[in-house]
């Protein structure tokens, strides 16, 4: 496989991993206020993407991939809302362990990593086109 082909494969793997990361972040933000349906029931638990480096024998290089989403085991937030259907005996409701500001910062980092991989793809294509132009002369 050519060097440009290897660059494209590695960058595409990075783009897939960041796209999966953004989907998980979007799910976390969408469920930031999702409480349990009944008293004592757990609310939505934040998910964290788990990445692994995988050796691609065909390329002879390592690629990144998201293997799974793991639950964040940090504590849930409790708010005093005695009229809420999910309130416990003391009137507290458990809310998800999602902090929207952190999720937005993670989304921005994922977006920038995606864009960096996209730039690699564009640069590899431009180099290939320039090489073809030079060979035509």
C-alpha atoms as a PDB file:
ATOM      1  CA  UNK A   1       0.000   0.000   0.000  1.00  0.00           C
ATOM      2  CA  UNK A   2       1.255   3.487  -0.783  1.00  0.00           C
ATOM      3  CA  UNK A   3       2.187   5.978   1.906  1.00  0.00           C
ATOM      4  CA  UNK A   4      -0.756   8.165   0.895  1.00  0.00           C
ATOM      5  CA  UNK A   5      -3.081   5.184   1.203  1.00  0.00           C
ATOM      6  CA  UNK A   6      -1.730   4.455   4.673  1.00  0.00           C
ATOM      7  CA  UNK A   7      -2.191   8.094   5.691  1.00  0.00           C
ATOM      8  CA  UNK A   8      -5.777   8.017   4.435  1.00  0.00           C
ATOM      9  CA  UNK A   9      -6.532   4.787   6.332  1.00  0.00           C
ATOM     10  CA  UNK A  10      -5.079   6.083   9.601  1.00  0.00           C
ATOM     11  CA  UNK A  11      -6.798   9.471   9.297  1.00  0.00           C
ATOM     12  CA  UNK A  12     -10.113   7.787   8.447  1.00  0.00           C
ATOM     13  CA  UNK A  13      -9.810   5.611  11.564  1.00  0.00           C
ATOM     14  CA  UNK A  14      -9.209   8.743  13.643  1.00  0.00           C
ATOM     15  CA  UNK A  15     -12.239  10.424  12.092  1.00  0.00           C
ATOM     16  CA  UNK A  16     -14.428   7.393  12.863  1.00  0.00           C
ATOM     17  CA  UNK A  17     -13.211   7.335  16.477  1.00  0.00           C
ATOM     18  CA  UNK A  18     -13.907  11.053  16.967  1.00  0.00           C
ATOM     19  CA  UNK A  19     -17.306  10.755  15.309  1.00  0.00           C
ATOM     20  CA  UNK A  20     -18.232   7.970  17.747  1.00  0.00           C
ATOM     21  CA  UNK A  21     -16.936  10.128  20.617  1.00  0.00           C
ATOM     22  CA  UNK A  22     -19.163  13.023  19.495  1.00  0.00           C
ATOM     23  CA  UNK A  23     -22.211  10.712  19.373  1.00  0.00           C
ATOM     24  CA  UNK A  24     -21.614   9.663  22.983  1.00  0.00           C
ATOM     25  CA  UNK A  25     -21.142  13.278  24.074  1.00  0.00           C
ATOM     26  CA  UNK A  26     -24.381  14.261  22.314  1.00  0.00           C
ATOM     27  CA  UNK A  27     -26.196  11.433  24.136  1.00  0.00           C
ATOM     28  CA  UNK A  28     -24.802  12.662  27.461  1.00  0.00           C
ATOM     29  CA  UNK A  29     -25.950  16.241  26.802  1.00  0.00           C
ATOM     30  CA  UNK A  30     -29.383  15.067  25.653  1.00  0.00           C
ATOM     31  CA  UNK A  31     -29.840  13.130  28.908  1.00  0.00           C
ATOM     32  CA  UNK A  32     -28.363  15.735  31.279  1.00  0.00           C
ATOM     33  CA  UNK A  33     -31.752  16.206  32.967  1.00  0.00           C
ATOM     34  CA  UNK A  34     -33.095  12.644  32.707  1.00  0.00           C
ATOM     35  CA  UNK A  35     -34.103  11.497  36.163  1.00  0.00           C
ATOM     36  CA  UNK A  36     -35.406   8.103  37.190  1.00  0.00           C
ATOM     37  CA  UNK A  37     -39.093   7.399  36.648  1.00  0.00           C
ATOM     38  CA  UNK A  38     -39.805   6.383  40.240  1.00  0.00           C
ATOM     39  CA  UNK A  39     -38.378   7.155  43.694  1.00  0.00           C
ATOM     40  CA  UNK A  40     -35.069   5.387  44.272  1.00  0.00           C
ATOM     41  CA  UNK A  41     -34.543   4.703  40.568  1.00  0.00           C
ATOM     42  CA  UNK A  42     -31.179   5.747  39.162  1.00  0.00           C
ATOM     43  CA  UNK A  43     -31.080   8.527  36.580  1.00  0.00           C
ATOM     44  CA  UNK A  44     -29.122   8.426  33.329  1.00  0.00           C
ATOM     45  CA  UNK A  45     -25.443   7.651  33.925  1.00  0.00           C
ATOM     46  CA  UNK A  46     -22.850   9.542  31.896  1.00  0.00           C
ATOM     47  CA  UNK A  47     -20.997   7.444  29.317  1.00  0.00           C
ATOM     48  CA  UNK A  48     -17.289   7.801  28.538  1.00  0.00           C
ATOM     49  CA  UNK A  49     -15.746   6.569  25.274  1.00  0.00           C
ATOM     50  CA  UNK A  50     -12.931   4.021  25.581  1.00  0.00           C
ATOM     51  CA  UNK A  51     -10.290   4.135  22.842  1.00  0.00           C
ATOM     52  CA  UNK A  52      -7.727   1.511  21.941  1.00  0.00           C
ATOM     53  CA  UNK A  53      -4.759   1.445  19.649  1.00  0.00           C
ATOM     54  CA  UNK A  54      -5.084  -1.464  17.231  1.00  0.00           C
ATOM     55  CA  UNK A  55      -2.277  -2.847  15.100  1.00  0.00           C
ATOM     56  CA  UNK A  56      -3.355  -3.042  11.474  1.00  0.00           C
ATOM     57  CA  UNK A  57      -1.120  -5.748  10.012  1.00  0.00           C
ATOM     58  CA  UNK A  58      -2.064  -4.850   6.447  1.00  0.00           C
ATOM     59  CA  UNK A  59      -0.925  -1.248   6.948  1.00  0.00           C
ATOM     60  CA  UNK A  60       1.916  -2.070   9.291  1.00  0.00           C
ATOM     61  CA  UNK A  61       0.751   0.756  11.524  1.00  0.00           C
ATOM     62  CA  UNK A  62      -1.417   1.327  14.561  1.00  0.00           C
ATOM     63  CA  UNK A  63      -4.861   2.867  14.282  1.00  0.00           C
ATOM     64  CA  UNK A  64      -7.161   4.203  16.943  1.00  0.00           C
ATOM     65  CA  UNK A  65     -10.671   2.914  17.443  1.00  0.00           C
ATOM     66  CA  UNK A  66     -13.396   3.389  20.000  1.00  0.00           C
ATOM     67  CA  UNK A  67     -14.094  -0.019  21.467  1.00  0.00           C
ATOM     68  CA  UNK A  68     -16.949   0.762  23.840  1.00  0.00           C
ATOM     69  CA  UNK A  69     -18.670   3.304  26.036  1.00  0.00           C
ATOM     70  CA  UNK A  70     -18.034   2.827  29.745  1.00  0.00           C
ATOM     71  CA  UNK A  71     -20.280   4.205  32.475  1.00  0.00           C
ATOM     72  CA  UNK A  72     -18.870   7.080  34.523  1.00  0.00           C
ATOM     73  CA  UNK A  73     -19.060   5.929  38.154  1.00  0.00           C
ATOM     74  CA  UNK A  74     -18.996   9.420  39.683  1.00  0.00           C
ATOM     75  CA  UNK A  75     -21.794  10.322  42.088  1.00  0.00           C
ATOM     76  CA  UNK A  76     -25.190  11.538  40.950  1.00  0.00           C
ATOM     77  CA  UNK A  77     -26.307  15.044  41.837  1.00  0.00           C
ATOM     78  CA  UNK A  78     -29.105  15.319  44.395  1.00  0.00           C
ATOM     79  CA  UNK A  79     -31.583  18.192  44.389  1.00  0.00           C
ATOM     80  CA  UNK A  80     -34.318  18.958  46.863  1.00  0.00           C
ATOM     81  CA  UNK A  81     -37.567  18.756  44.867  1.00  0.00           C
ATOM     82  CA  UNK A  82     -40.240  17.177  47.092  1.00  0.00           C
ATOM     83  CA  UNK A  83     -42.995  17.458  44.427  1.00  0.00           C
ATOM     84  CA  UNK A  84     -41.046  15.560  41.761  1.00  0.00           C
ATOM     85  CA  UNK A  85     -42.350  12.048  40.945  1.00  0.00           C
ATOM     86  CA  UNK A  86     -38.854  10.582  41.426  1.00  0.00           C
ATOM     87  CA  UNK A  87     -38.277  12.245  44.820  1.00  0.00           C
ATOM     88  CA  UNK A  88     -37.274   9.939  47.668  1.00  0.00           C
ATOM     89  CA  UNK A  89     -38.753  10.006  51.194  1.00  0.00           C
ATOM     90  CA  UNK A  90     -36.647  13.062  52.112  1.00  0.00           C
ATOM     91  CA  UNK A  91     -37.733  14.933  48.944  1.00  0.00           C
ATOM     92  CA  UNK A  92     -34.452  14.578  47.036  1.00  0.00           C
ATOM     93  CA  UNK A  93     -34.252  13.687  43.366  1.00  0.00           C
ATOM     94  CA  UNK A  94     -31.134  12.118  41.843  1.00  0.00           C
ATOM     95  CA  UNK A  95     -29.960  13.779  38.633  1.00  0.00           C
ATOM     96  CA  UNK A  96     -27.422  12.452  36.106  1.00  0.00           C
ATOM     97  CA  UNK A  97     -23.688  12.842  36.705  1.00  0.00           C
ATOM     98  CA  UNK A  98     -23.458  14.865  33.473  1.00  0.00           C
ATOM     99  CA  UNK A  99     -21.850  18.301  33.599  1.00  0.00           C
ATOM    100  CA  UNK A 100     -22.871  20.085  30.417  1.00  0.00           C
ATOM    101  CA  UNK A 101     -19.873  22.430  30.386  1.00  0.00           C
ATOM    102  CA  UNK A 102     -17.444  19.491  30.521  1.00  0.00           C
ATOM    103  CA  UNK A 103     -19.375  17.750  27.748  1.00  0.00           C
ATOM    104  CA  UNK A 104     -19.185  20.868  25.576  1.00  0.00           C
ATOM    105  CA  UNK A 105     -15.428  21.132  26.146  1.00  0.00           C
ATOM    106  CA  UNK A 106     -15.062  17.433  25.245  1.00  0.00           C
ATOM    107  CA  UNK A 107     -17.177  18.030  22.127  1.00  0.00           C
ATOM    108  CA  UNK A 108     -14.903  20.882  21.065  1.00  0.00           C
ATOM    109  CA  UNK A 109     -11.797  18.722  21.572  1.00  0.00           C
ATOM    110  CA  UNK A 110     -13.366  15.897  19.543  1.00  0.00           C
ATOM    111  CA  UNK A 111     -14.324  18.337  16.806  1.00  0.00           C
ATOM    112  CA  UNK A 112     -10.773  19.677  16.608  1.00  0.00           C
ATOM    113  CA  UNK A 113      -9.299  16.171  16.484  1.00  0.00           C
ATOM    114  CA  UNK A 114     -11.764  15.276  13.709  1.00  0.00           C
ATOM    115  CA  UNK A 115     -10.759  18.407  11.782  1.00  0.00           C
ATOM    116  CA  UNK A 116      -7.049  17.576  12.212  1.00  0.00           C
ATOM    117  CA  UNK A 117      -7.640  14.133  10.683  1.00  0.00           C
ATOM    118  CA  UNK A 118      -9.676  15.696   7.888  1.00  0.00           C
ATOM    119  CA  UNK A 119      -6.781  18.074   7.159  1.00  0.00           C
ATOM    120  CA  UNK A 120      -4.476  15.057   6.898  1.00  0.00           C
ATOM    121  CA  UNK A 121      -6.808  13.521   4.313  1.00  0.00           C
ATOM    122  CA  UNK A 122      -6.953  16.760   2.331  1.00  0.00           C
ATOM    123  CA  UNK A 123      -3.155  17.189   2.449  1.00  0.00           C
ATOM    124  CA  UNK A 124      -2.546  13.583   1.352  1.00  0.00           C
ATOM    125  CA  UNK A 125      -4.903  14.042  -1.595  1.00  0.00           C
ATOM    126  CA  UNK A 126      -3.248  17.340  -2.532  1.00  0.00           C
ATOM    127  CA  UNK A 127       0.201  15.699  -2.447  1.00  0.00           C
ATOM    128  CA  UNK A 128      -1.052  12.848  -4.616  1.00  0.00           C
ATOM    129  CA  UNK A 129      -2.524  15.275  -7.126  1.00  0.00           C
ATOM    130  CA  UNK A 130       0.705  17.302  -7.183  1.00  0.00           C
ATOM    131  CA  UNK A 131       2.738  14.130  -7.756  1.00  0.00           C
ATOM    132  CA  UNK A 132       0.456  13.122 -10.642  1.00  0.00           C
ATOM    133  CA  UNK A 133       0.804  16.592 -12.151  1.00  0.00           C
ATOM    134  CA  UNK A 134       4.602  16.317 -11.965  1.00  0.00           C
ATOM    135  CA  UNK A 135       4.555  12.868 -13.584  1.00  0.00           C
ATOM    136  CA  UNK A 136       2.415  14.132 -16.492  1.00  0.00           C
ATOM    137  CA  UNK A 137       5.068  16.669 -17.526  1.00  0.00           C
END
